């Protein structure tokens, strides 16, 4: 019985050593996973840093890779040393102490799992909220940009309408002054026309001819201008439709990109959950470290977002300055035009007065001949009326031409502003697209490296497990050989005791001391 107890004790001790060995292996694996997790988190922070320092990106990755390889090699060496040392220490411990530690460890693990689950749920809620906030900020920014563009166009249209209204008022005033002037001229002509008719007859004919030619020419120019404006309007309409289509495609692409990112994020979340289930026995201190790392990471992301918002505000201020500068230039141009028109008007009035003075002088000279030309004056009077109508028509055409010229200038400026706006929009979209492509490449590169590393680790673990199984088989074979030797010795002792026969105490003493011999 004592030999059996001793045998059982040895087996239990052996099992205990095996459990201790397994425990050390699990702890080692846990440390390795923890180390790997820290490495992944470090890589994530480095990705954020790479966004700001693109030139340093490649060198940093190579350096980190070398460091990780060196650290891994050192950890492997250290792990081997620690395993050997722990194996020697653990063989000296008592069974009762092991039982107490096992119970305490189970309670601790249960508590850690609960805390870990709560932290993970909190982290998931926080990440989801941050993604939602980021998406909402992006949508809000886009809506604001669109609204500002619309407001800008509306303000431009409003200013244009005001300028048109002012222009119409000035033209109306001008027509009234012209009408008054014509009335005065008419009264004077009524007094002086008899002398004037004779003198002006041939001149009016020539003027009439020139005016007809001029009207025909202006008519041709007007037709050409209308044709050009129609083509220009069609081109602008096509550009506007093209811009709307591109805008719609861009929004659609962004929406699909966002959905794809959401799906990838969900897959990553599932992967993290699976990994976290395997790591339920992680140490409490390491869990706290991860939590602090996540907090720092969220702070960095928030800081990054604040910087982005500040940059966006600066850009908006720049755009506002440009807008104000253009408005100021537009006002200056209008003021110059107004002054130019006033100057021209004054010049025309001066010329007209000079002409009137000369006319009066000539009329005094021709007054004597007036009586002789009465009959002709009546005929010329009718022609003068015709001429007056033609002159009015000419004035109207000139005013129309002026309005058309101003309209062309306004439209040209409007087109230029729209072109500038479109160009800025295209540049911004191109930058966003390039940034997303770069991030996608980085992510794919990291995933590929992560997969390779996991594959290597998996192979290494498999080889380690195979070595452990081989050791286990050797131990089992050794135990079987020992048991067989013990049974053989027992049979020999029983045979000897049977020969001795009557001394039972002697046999008991041999049974008692036989384990010591073994």
Protein backbone atom coordinates (compact mmCIF):
# COMPACT_ATOMS: atom_id res chain seq x y z
CA UNK A 1 0.00 0.00 0.00
CA UNK A 2 2.79 2.35 0.83
CA UNK A 3 4.43 1.72 -2.54
CA UNK A 4 1.12 2.46 -4.22
CA UNK A 5 0.81 5.70 -2.26
CA UNK A 6 4.36 6.58 -3.13
CA UNK A 7 3.62 5.79 -6.74
CA UNK A 8 0.50 7.92 -6.65
CA UNK A 9 2.45 10.69 -5.01
CA UNK A 10 5.09 10.57 -7.71
CA UNK A 11 2.38 10.59 -10.36
CA UNK A 12 0.68 13.55 -8.72
CA UNK A 13 3.99 15.32 -8.47
CA UNK A 14 4.60 14.59 -12.11
CA UNK A 15 1.14 15.85 -13.02
CA UNK A 16 1.73 18.91 -10.90
CA UNK A 17 5.00 19.60 -12.73
CA UNK A 18 3.17 19.12 -16.02
CA UNK A 19 0.44 21.54 -14.97
CA UNK A 20 3.07 23.99 -13.84
CA UNK A 21 4.75 23.62 -17.17
CA UNK A 22 1.48 24.21 -18.99
CA UNK A 23 0.77 27.18 -16.81
CA UNK A 24 4.18 28.69 -17.57
CA UNK A 25 3.56 28.11 -21.24
CA UNK A 26 0.17 29.80 -21.07
CA UNK A 27 1.65 32.72 -19.19
CA UNK A 28 4.39 32.96 -21.75
CA UNK A 29 1.88 32.91 -24.59
CA UNK A 30 -0.11 35.56 -22.81
CA UNK A 31 2.99 37.75 -22.48
CA UNK A 32 3.70 37.22 -26.15
CA UNK A 33 0.17 38.23 -27.11
CA UNK A 34 0.41 41.25 -24.88
CA UNK A 35 3.68 42.21 -26.48
CA UNK A 36 2.17 41.79 -29.92
CA UNK A 37 -0.78 43.92 -28.95
CA UNK A 38 1.51 46.68 -27.81
CA UNK A 39 3.38 46.43 -31.08
CA UNK A 40 0.15 46.79 -33.05
CA UNK A 41 -0.86 49.79 -30.99
CA UNK A 42 2.57 51.29 -31.54
CA UNK A 43 2.15 50.80 -35.27
CA UNK A 44 -1.19 52.53 -35.15
CA UNK A 45 0.33 55.58 -33.46
CA UNK A 46 3.08 55.54 -36.03
CA UNK A 47 0.49 55.60 -38.81
CA UNK A 48 -0.94 58.78 -37.36
CA UNK A 49 2.53 60.24 -37.16
CA UNK A 50 3.20 59.27 -40.76
CA UNK A 51 0.30 61.45 -41.89
CA UNK A 52 2.16 64.46 -40.63
CA UNK A 53 5.68 63.32 -41.58
CA UNK A 54 5.44 61.53 -44.88
CA UNK A 55 9.13 61.84 -45.68
CA UNK A 56 10.09 59.90 -42.53
CA UNK A 57 7.58 57.14 -43.08
CA UNK A 58 9.69 54.54 -44.83
CA UNK A 59 12.77 54.94 -42.61
CA UNK A 60 10.63 54.73 -39.48
CA UNK A 61 8.95 51.52 -40.60
CA UNK A 62 12.30 49.89 -41.36
CA UNK A 63 13.69 50.97 -38.06
CA UNK A 64 10.68 49.68 -36.17
CA UNK A 65 10.85 46.41 -38.00
CA UNK A 66 14.49 45.93 -37.01
CA UNK A 67 13.66 46.85 -33.45
CA UNK A 68 10.76 44.42 -33.35
CA UNK A 69 12.94 41.63 -34.68
CA UNK A 70 15.62 42.41 -32.13
CA UNK A 71 13.07 42.60 -29.35
CA UNK A 72 11.51 39.35 -30.44
CA UNK A 73 14.88 37.63 -30.48
CA UNK A 74 15.66 39.00 -27.02
CA UNK A 75 12.26 37.95 -25.74
CA UNK A 76 12.80 34.46 -27.08
CA UNK A 77 16.13 34.18 -25.32
CA UNK A 78 14.73 35.65 -22.16
CA UNK A 79 11.73 33.38 -22.34
CA UNK A 80 13.93 30.31 -22.63
CA UNK A 81 15.97 31.37 -19.64
CA UNK A 82 12.89 32.15 -17.60
CA UNK A 83 11.28 28.87 -18.54
CA UNK A 84 14.31 26.96 -17.33
CA UNK A 85 14.53 28.92 -14.10
CA UNK A 86 10.83 28.62 -13.39
CA UNK A 87 10.89 24.93 -14.09
CA UNK A 88 13.58 24.47 -11.44
CA UNK A 89 11.77 26.66 -8.91
CA UNK A 90 8.34 25.15 -9.49
CA UNK A 91 9.58 21.63 -8.82
CA UNK A 92 10.31 22.65 -5.21
CA UNK A 93 6.88 24.02 -4.38
CA UNK A 94 4.32 22.24 -2.18
CA UNK A 95 1.01 20.79 -3.46
CA UNK A 96 -1.06 22.81 -1.03
CA UNK A 97 0.53 26.06 -2.09
CA UNK A 98 -0.18 25.21 -5.71
CA UNK A 99 -3.83 24.49 -4.91
CA UNK A 100 -4.23 27.84 -3.14
CA UNK A 101 -2.56 29.70 -5.96
CA UNK A 102 -4.75 27.94 -8.49
CA UNK A 103 -7.91 28.94 -6.65
CA UNK A 104 -6.70 32.51 -6.27
CA UNK A 105 -5.74 32.65 -9.92
CA UNK A 106 -9.18 31.44 -11.00
CA UNK A 107 -10.88 34.07 -8.88
CA UNK A 108 -8.55 36.72 -10.25
CA UNK A 109 -9.15 35.63 -13.82
CA UNK A 110 -12.88 35.72 -13.33
CA UNK A 111 -12.66 39.23 -11.96
CA UNK A 112 -10.35 40.33 -14.80
CA UNK A 113 -12.65 38.86 -17.42
CA UNK A 114 -15.54 40.82 -15.99
CA UNK A 115 -13.54 44.05 -15.90
CA UNK A 116 -12.20 43.41 -19.36
CA UNK A 117 -15.67 42.82 -20.75
CA UNK A 118 -16.91 46.10 -19.24
CA UNK A 119 -13.91 48.04 -20.58
CA UNK A 120 -14.35 46.52 -24.02
CA UNK A 121 -18.02 47.46 -24.12
CA UNK A 122 -17.17 50.97 -23.06
CA UNK A 123 -14.42 51.20 -25.69
CA UNK A 124 -16.77 49.98 -28.41
CA UNK A 125 -19.39 52.54 -27.47
CA UNK A 126 -16.77 55.26 -27.45
CA UNK A 127 -15.37 54.29 -30.84
CA UNK A 128 -18.83 54.11 -32.37
CA UNK A 129 -19.71 57.52 -30.99
CA UNK A 130 -16.47 59.00 -32.34
CA UNK A 131 -17.08 57.56 -35.80
CA UNK A 132 -20.60 59.00 -35.81
CA UNK A 133 -19.37 62.41 -34.71
CA UNK A 134 -16.69 62.42 -37.38
CA UNK A 135 -19.17 61.47 -40.08
CA UNK A 136 -21.63 64.15 -38.89
CA UNK A 137 -18.91 66.79 -38.89
CA UNK A 138 -17.97 65.86 -42.44
CA UNK A 139 -21.57 66.05 -43.62
CA UNK A 140 -22.09 69.34 -41.85
CA UNK A 141 -18.95 70.80 -43.43
CA UNK A 142 -20.09 69.75 -46.90
CA UNK A 143 -23.54 71.22 -46.34
CA UNK A 144 -21.98 74.46 -45.14
CA UNK A 145 -19.77 74.69 -48.22
CA UNK A 146 -22.68 74.06 -50.51
CA UNK A 147 -24.83 76.60 -48.70
CA UNK A 148 -22.07 79.21 -48.90
CA UNK A 149 -21.66 78.66 -52.60
CA UNK A 150 -25.40 79.11 -53.06
CA UNK A 151 -25.40 82.25 -50.95
CA UNK A 152 -22.47 83.62 -52.88
CA UNK A 153 -24.27 83.09 -56.18
CA UNK A 154 -27.40 84.70 -54.74
CA UNK A 155 -25.46 87.71 -53.51
CA UNK A 156 -23.80 88.09 -56.89
CA UNK A 157 -27.17 87.94 -58.61
CA UNK A 158 -28.60 90.46 -56.18
CA UNK A 159 -25.73 92.87 -56.74
CA UNK A 160 -26.16 92.43 -60.47
CA UNK A 161 -29.85 93.22 -60.23
CA UNK A 162 -29.08 96.32 -58.20
CA UNK A 163 -26.53 97.48 -60.75
CA UNK A 164 -29.06 96.86 -63.52
CA UNK A 165 -31.66 98.84 -61.63
CA UNK A 166 -29.28 101.73 -61.11
CA UNK A 167 -28.31 101.60 -64.70
CA UNK A 168 -31.96 101.73 -65.80
CA UNK A 169 -32.55 104.69 -63.54
CA UNK A 170 -29.55 106.52 -64.95
CA UNK A 171 -30.74 105.76 -68.46
CA UNK A 172 -34.20 107.00 -67.61
CA UNK A 173 -32.80 110.23 -66.27
CA UNK A 174 -30.62 110.52 -69.28
CA UNK A 175 -33.61 110.03 -71.61
CA UNK A 176 -35.53 112.68 -69.72
CA UNK A 177 -32.65 115.12 -70.05
CA UNK A 178 -32.40 114.26 -73.72
CA UNK A 179 -36.10 114.80 -74.13
CA UNK A 180 -35.91 118.20 -72.51
CA UNK A 181 -32.93 119.03 -74.59
CA UNK A 182 -34.74 117.99 -77.74
CA UNK A 183 -37.66 120.18 -76.77
CA UNK A 184 -35.41 123.16 -76.34
CA UNK A 185 -33.68 122.43 -79.60
CA UNK A 186 -36.99 122.07 -81.32
CA UNK A 187 -38.16 125.45 -80.12
CA UNK A 188 -34.96 127.05 -81.30
CA UNK A 189 -35.14 125.24 -84.56
CA UNK A 190 -38.68 126.54 -85.03
CA UNK A 191 -37.28 129.99 -84.85
CA UNK A 192 -34.21 129.34 -86.94
CA UNK A 193 -35.13 126.49 -89.24
CA UNK A 194 -35.86 128.63 -92.23
CA UNK A 195 -32.28 129.76 -92.48
CA UNK A 196 -30.96 126.41 -91.35
CA UNK A 197 -32.93 124.23 -93.78
CA UNK A 198 -31.30 125.50 -96.85
CA UNK A 199 -27.84 125.20 -95.40
CA UNK A 200 -28.41 121.77 -93.92
CA UNK A 201 -30.29 120.09 -96.67
CA UNK A 202 -27.38 118.39 -98.37
CA UNK A 203 -25.75 117.72 -95.09
CA UNK A 204 -28.84 115.91 -93.82
CA UNK A 205 -28.91 113.76 -96.87
CA UNK A 206 -25.38 112.69 -96.34
CA UNK A 207 -26.01 112.09 -92.67
CA UNK A 208 -29.04 110.05 -93.44
CA UNK A 209 -27.11 107.87 -95.79
CA UNK A 210 -24.33 107.36 -93.25
CA UNK A 211 -26.88 106.56 -90.58
CA UNK A 212 -28.51 103.91 -92.72
CA UNK A 213 -25.18 102.30 -93.38
CA UNK A 214 -24.35 102.44 -89.73
CA UNK A 215 -27.66 100.85 -88.70
CA UNK A 216 -27.11 98.05 -91.13
CA UNK A 217 -23.66 97.48 -89.78
CA UNK A 218 -24.91 97.50 -86.19
CA UNK A 219 -27.66 95.13 -87.10
CA UNK A 220 -25.12 92.67 -88.49
CA UNK A 221 -23.00 93.04 -85.39
CA UNK A 222 -26.01 92.49 -83.20
CA UNK A 223 -26.87 89.28 -85.00
CA UNK A 224 -23.31 88.04 -84.58
CA UNK A 225 -23.36 88.99 -80.92
CA UNK A 226 -26.64 87.16 -80.34
CA UNK A 227 -25.24 84.07 -82.01
CA UNK A 228 -22.12 84.22 -79.86
CA UNK A 229 -24.17 84.72 -76.68
CA UNK A 230 -26.39 81.79 -77.53
CA UNK A 231 -23.36 79.53 -78.01
CA UNK A 232 -21.84 80.83 -74.81
CA UNK A 233 -25.04 80.14 -72.90
CA UNK A 234 -25.17 76.57 -74.26
CA UNK A 235 -21.56 76.00 -73.25
CA UNK A 236 -22.21 77.29 -69.74
CA UNK A 237 -25.30 75.14 -69.45
CA UNK A 238 -23.29 72.07 -70.46
CA UNK A 239 -20.55 72.92 -67.94
CA UNK A 240 -23.08 73.36 -65.18
CA UNK A 241 -24.68 69.97 -65.91
CA UNK A 242 -21.25 68.36 -66.05
CA UNK A 243 -20.34 69.89 -62.71
CA UNK A 244 -23.59 68.63 -61.12
CA UNK A 245 -22.98 65.16 -62.47
CA UNK A 246 -19.43 65.11 -61.10
CA UNK A 247 -20.71 66.35 -57.75
CA UNK A 248 -23.28 63.58 -57.60
CA UNK A 249 -20.67 60.94 -58.52
CA UNK A 250 -18.30 62.24 -55.86
CA UNK A 251 -21.00 62.08 -53.18
CA UNK A 252 -21.96 58.59 -54.26
CA UNK A 253 -18.33 57.47 -54.13
CA UNK A 254 -17.88 58.95 -50.66
CA UNK A 255 -20.99 57.22 -49.42
CA UNK A 256 -19.80 53.84 -50.75
CA UNK A 257 -16.35 54.46 -49.27
CA UNK A 258 -17.89 55.20 -45.90
CA UNK A 259 -19.99 52.00 -46.03
CA UNK A 260 -16.94 49.97 -46.98
CA UNK A 261 -15.01 51.41 -44.08
CA UNK A 262 -17.91 50.56 -41.78
CA UNK A 263 -17.88 46.98 -42.98
CA UNK A 264 -14.15 46.71 -42.50
CA UNK A 265 -14.49 48.19 -39.06
CA UNK A 266 -17.11 45.61 -38.14
CA UNK A 267 -14.93 42.80 -39.39
CA UNK A 268 -12.06 44.15 -37.37
CA UNK A 269 -14.33 44.32 -34.35
CA UNK A 270 -15.26 40.68 -34.79
CA UNK A 271 -11.60 39.76 -35.11
CA UNK A 272 -10.79 41.68 -31.97
CA UNK A 273 -13.58 39.91 -30.08
CA UNK A 274 -12.25 36.54 -31.16
CA UNK A 275 -8.75 37.48 -30.08
CA UNK A 276 -9.99 38.83 -26.78
CA UNK A 277 -11.74 35.57 -26.00
CA UNK A 278 -8.45 33.77 -26.41
CA UNK A 279 -6.76 36.31 -24.14
CA UNK A 280 -9.11 36.06 -21.19
CA UNK A 281 -6.27 35.05 -18.88
CA UNK A 282 -4.22 38.16 -19.47
CA UNK A 283 -2.65 39.85 -16.45
CA UNK A 284 -4.35 42.71 -14.72
CA UNK A 285 -1.49 45.17 -14.98
CA UNK A 286 -1.21 44.65 -18.75
CA UNK A 287 -4.91 45.38 -19.14
CA UNK A 288 -4.51 48.68 -17.35
CA UNK A 289 -1.65 49.54 -19.67
CA UNK A 290 -3.78 48.87 -22.73
CA UNK A 291 -6.53 51.04 -21.34
CA UNK A 292 -4.14 53.94 -20.83
CA UNK A 293 -2.81 53.48 -24.37
CA UNK A 294 -6.31 53.61 -25.78
CA UNK A 295 -7.04 56.78 -23.84
CA UNK A 296 -3.90 58.44 -25.20
CA UNK A 297 -4.80 57.32 -28.69
CA UNK A 298 -8.29 58.80 -28.46
CA UNK A 299 -6.79 62.04 -27.20
CA UNK A 300 -4.43 62.12 -30.17
CA UNK A 301 -7.29 61.51 -32.59
CA UNK A 302 -9.33 64.27 -31.04
CA UNK A 303 -6.34 66.58 -31.24
CA UNK A 304 -5.95 65.68 -34.90
CA UNK A 305 -9.58 66.48 -35.56
CA UNK A 306 -9.27 69.82 -33.82
CA UNK A 307 -6.27 70.67 -35.98
CA UNK A 308 -8.21 69.72 -39.10
CA UNK A 309 -11.09 71.95 -38.06
CA UNK A 310 -8.70 74.84 -37.42
CA UNK A 311 -7.17 74.39 -40.87
CA UNK A 312 -10.63 74.35 -42.41
CA UNK A 313 -11.53 77.58 -40.64
CA UNK A 314 -8.33 79.22 -41.90
CA UNK A 315 -9.16 78.18 -45.44
CA UNK A 316 -12.64 79.61 -45.05
CA UNK A 317 -11.23 82.91 -43.90
CA UNK A 318 -8.96 83.00 -46.95
CA UNK A 319 -11.90 82.36 -49.23
CA UNK A 320 -13.85 85.15 -47.53
CA UNK A 321 -10.96 87.56 -48.04
CA UNK A 322 -10.81 86.69 -51.72
CA UNK A 323 -14.53 87.25 -51.99
CA UNK A 324 -14.28 90.67 -50.37
CA UNK A 325 -11.35 91.61 -52.58
CA UNK A 326 -13.33 90.74 -55.70
CA UNK A 327 -16.30 92.77 -54.51
CA UNK A 328 -14.05 95.72 -53.84
CA UNK A 329 -12.55 95.48 -57.33
CA UNK A 330 -16.03 95.26 -58.80
CA UNK A 331 -17.08 98.41 -56.99
CA UNK A 332 -13.98 100.26 -58.14
CA UNK A 333 -14.60 99.21 -61.70
CA UNK A 334 -18.22 100.41 -61.54
CA UNK A 335 -17.11 103.69 -60.04
CA UNK A 336 -14.60 104.17 -62.84
CA UNK A 337 -17.25 103.43 -65.44
CA UNK A 338 -19.62 105.88 -63.84
CA UNK A 339 -16.96 108.61 -63.80
CA UNK A 340 -16.08 107.85 -67.40
CA UNK A 341 -19.69 108.16 -68.44
CA UNK A 342 -20.10 111.44 -66.63
CA UNK A 343 -16.96 112.76 -68.26
CA UNK A 344 -18.25 111.71 -71.68
CA UNK A 345 -21.60 113.31 -70.95
CA UNK A 346 -19.97 116.57 -70.03
CA UNK A 347 -17.85 116.46 -73.13
CA UNK A 348 -20.91 115.88 -75.27
CA UNK A 349 -22.70 118.80 -73.65
CA UNK A 350 -19.70 121.04 -74.24
CA UNK A 351 -19.53 119.99 -77.86
CA UNK A 352 -23.25 120.53 -78.20
CA UNK A 353 -23.06 123.99 -76.77
CA UNK A 354 -20.21 124.86 -79.07
CA UNK A 355 -22.17 123.55 -81.96
CA UNK A 356 -25.20 125.58 -80.93
CA UNK A 357 -23.10 128.70 -80.69
CA UNK A 358 -21.75 128.12 -84.16
CA UNK A 359 -25.22 127.42 -85.41
CA UNK A 360 -26.52 130.65 -84.07
CA UNK A 361 -23.70 132.48 -85.71
CA UNK A 362 -24.43 130.88 -89.00
CA UNK A 363 -28.15 131.49 -88.59
CA UNK A 364 -27.58 135.16 -88.17
CA UNK A 365 -25.61 135.17 -91.37
CA UNK A 366 -28.32 133.27 -93.19
CA UNK A 367 -31.23 135.19 -91.82
CA UNK A 368 -31.46 137.44 -94.82
CA UNK A 369 -31.93 134.51 -97.15
CA UNK A 370 -34.69 133.03 -95.07
CA UNK A 371 -37.45 134.90 -96.83
CA UNK A 372 -36.39 133.56 -100.18
CA UNK A 373 -36.49 129.95 -99.07
CA UNK A 374 -39.85 129.72 -97.34
CA UNK A 375 -41.25 127.14 -99.64
CA UNK A 376 -38.22 125.00 -99.44
CA UNK A 377 -38.31 125.27 -95.68
CA UNK A 378 -41.68 123.65 -95.49
CA UNK A 379 -40.40 120.72 -97.46
CA UNK A 380 -37.25 120.54 -95.42
CA UNK A 381 -39.29 120.69 -92.28
CA UNK A 382 -40.77 117.34 -93.03
CA UNK A 383 -37.39 115.94 -93.78
CA UNK A 384 -36.12 117.34 -90.51
CA UNK A 385 -38.78 115.50 -88.63
CA UNK A 386 -37.69 112.34 -90.36
CA UNK A 387 -34.16 113.03 -89.43
CA UNK A 388 -35.17 113.61 -85.83
CA UNK A 389 -36.84 110.26 -85.71
CA UNK A 390 -33.76 108.65 -87.19
CA UNK A 391 -31.55 110.36 -84.68
CA UNK A 392 -33.74 109.14 -81.84
CA UNK A 393 -33.58 105.68 -83.29
CA UNK A 394 -29.85 105.96 -83.46
CA UNK A 395 -29.72 107.05 -79.83
CA UNK A 396 -31.83 104.11 -78.78
CA UNK A 397 -29.59 101.73 -80.68
CA UNK A 398 -26.52 103.22 -79.09
CA UNK A 399 -28.04 102.80 -75.64
CA UNK A 400 -28.98 99.23 -76.45
CA UNK A 401 -25.46 98.56 -77.56
CA UNK A 402 -24.13 99.99 -74.31
CA UNK A 403 -26.44 97.77 -72.30
CA UNK A 404 -25.35 94.73 -74.25
CA UNK A 405 -21.70 95.53 -73.70
CA UNK A 406 -22.25 95.82 -69.97
CA UNK A 407 -24.22 92.61 -69.96
CA UNK A 408 -21.37 90.80 -71.68
CA UNK A 409 -18.89 92.10 -69.17
CA UNK A 410 -21.05 91.01 -66.27
CA UNK A 411 -21.56 87.55 -67.74
CA UNK A 412 -17.86 87.19 -68.42
CA UNK A 413 -17.05 88.01 -64.81
CA UNK A 414 -19.67 85.60 -63.59
CA UNK A 415 -18.18 82.84 -65.71
CA UNK A 416 -14.72 83.58 -64.40
CA UNK A 417 -15.92 83.38 -60.79
CA UNK A 418 -17.69 80.10 -61.46
CA UNK A 419 -14.60 78.70 -63.17
CA UNK A 420 -12.46 79.62 -60.19
CA UNK A 421 -14.94 78.01 -57.83
CA UNK A 422 -15.01 74.84 -59.90
CA UNK A 423 -11.22 74.72 -60.03
CA UNK A 424 -10.95 74.97 -56.25
CA UNK A 425 -13.55 72.26 -55.86
CA UNK A 426 -11.70 69.95 -58.23
CA UNK A 427 -8.42 70.50 -56.39
CA UNK A 428 -10.03 69.72 -53.06
CA UNK A 429 -11.60 66.53 -54.40
CA UNK A 430 -8.30 65.45 -55.92
CA UNK A 431 -6.52 65.93 -52.61
CA UNK A 432 -9.15 63.94 -50.76
CA UNK A 433 -8.95 61.14 -53.27
CA UNK A 434 -5.15 60.97 -53.05
CA UNK A 435 -5.28 60.97 -49.26
CA UNK A 436 -7.76 58.10 -49.21
CA UNK A 437 -5.72 56.08 -51.68
CA UNK A 438 -2.60 56.56 -49.59
CA UNK A 439 -4.40 55.49 -46.42
CA UNK A 440 -5.81 52.46 -48.18
CA UNK A 441 -2.33 51.41 -49.32
CA UNK A 442 -0.97 51.84 -45.83
CA UNK A 443 -3.76 49.79 -44.35
CA UNK A 444 -3.25 46.98 -46.87
CA UNK A 445 0.50 46.97 -46.21
CA UNK A 446 -0.07 46.76 -42.46
CA UNK A 447 -2.60 43.98 -42.84
CA UNK A 448 -0.22 42.02 -45.03
CA UNK A 449 2.60 42.39 -42.52
CA UNK A 450 0.26 41.46 -39.69
CA UNK A 451 -0.86 38.32 -41.49
CA UNK A 452 2.72 37.27 -42.21
CA UNK A 453 3.69 37.81 -38.62
CA UNK A 454 0.69 35.85 -37.34
CA UNK A 455 1.45 33.03 -39.73
CA UNK A 456 5.02 32.83 -38.48
CA UNK A 457 3.86 32.87 -34.89
CA UNK A 458 1.31 30.18 -35.59
CA UNK A 459 3.97 27.97 -37.16
CA UNK A 460 6.32 28.62 -34.25
CA UNK A 461 3.62 27.72 -31.74
CA UNK A 462 2.79 24.58 -33.64
CA UNK A 463 6.43 23.53 -33.58
CA UNK A 464 6.56 24.31 -29.86
CA UNK A 465 3.47 22.23 -29.19
CA UNK A 466 4.96 19.37 -31.19
CA UNK A 467 8.13 19.53 -29.12
CA UNK A 468 6.05 19.50 -25.93
CA UNK A 469 4.05 16.53 -27.12
CA UNK A 470 7.30 14.71 -27.88
CA UNK A 471 8.55 15.48 -24.39
CA UNK A 472 5.27 14.25 -22.96
CA UNK A 473 5.57 11.01 -24.87
CA UNK A 474 9.11 10.54 -23.59
CA UNK A 475 7.98 11.18 -20.03
CA UNK A 476 5.13 8.72 -20.41
CA UNK A 477 7.51 6.09 -21.77
CA UNK A 478 9.86 6.72 -18.84
CA UNK A 479 7.03 6.32 -16.35
CA UNK A 480 5.96 3.08 -18.02
CA UNK A 481 9.50 1.75 -17.82
CA UNK A 482 9.72 2.68 -14.14
CA UNK A 483 6.40 1.02 -13.40
CA UNK A 484 7.47 -2.11 -15.23
CA UNK A 485 10.76 -2.19 -13.30
CA UNK A 486 8.87 -1.73 -10.05
CA UNK A 487 6.49 -4.56 -10.87
CA UNK A 488 9.43 -6.83 -11.75
CA UNK A 489 11.18 -6.07 -8.47
CA UNK A 490 7.92 -6.58 -6.61
CA UNK A 491 7.52 -10.01 -8.16
CA UNK A 492 11.09 -10.90 -7.15
CA UNK A 493 10.50 -9.74 -3.58
CA UNK A 494 7.23 -11.66 -3.36
CA UNK A 495 9.03 -14.77 -4.55
CA UNK A 496 11.77 -14.30 -1.93
CA UNK A 497 9.20 -13.65 0.80
CA UNK A 498 7.28 -16.74 -0.21
CA UNK A 499 10.45 -18.79 0.19
CA UNK A 500 11.13 -17.24 3.59
CA UNK A 501 7.49 -17.95 4.53
CA UNK A 502 6.76 -17.30 8.16
CA UNK A 503 8.33 -13.88 8.90
CA UNK A 504 5.65 -11.38 7.80
CA UNK A 505 7.34 -8.42 9.45
CA UNK A 506 10.42 -8.93 7.31
CA UNK A 507 8.29 -8.70 4.16
CA UNK A 508 6.60 -5.57 5.48
CA UNK A 509 9.94 -3.93 6.15
CA UNK A 510 11.11 -4.72 2.63
CA UNK A 511 7.91 -3.26 1.21
CA UNK A 512 8.49 -0.22 3.38
CA UNK A 513 12.09 0.31 2.22
CA UNK A 514 11.65 -0.72 -1.40
CA UNK A 515 10.77 2.86 -2.60
CA UNK A 516 14.03 4.08 -1.12
CA UNK A 517 15.91 1.50 -3.12
CA UNK A 518 14.10 2.52 -6.26
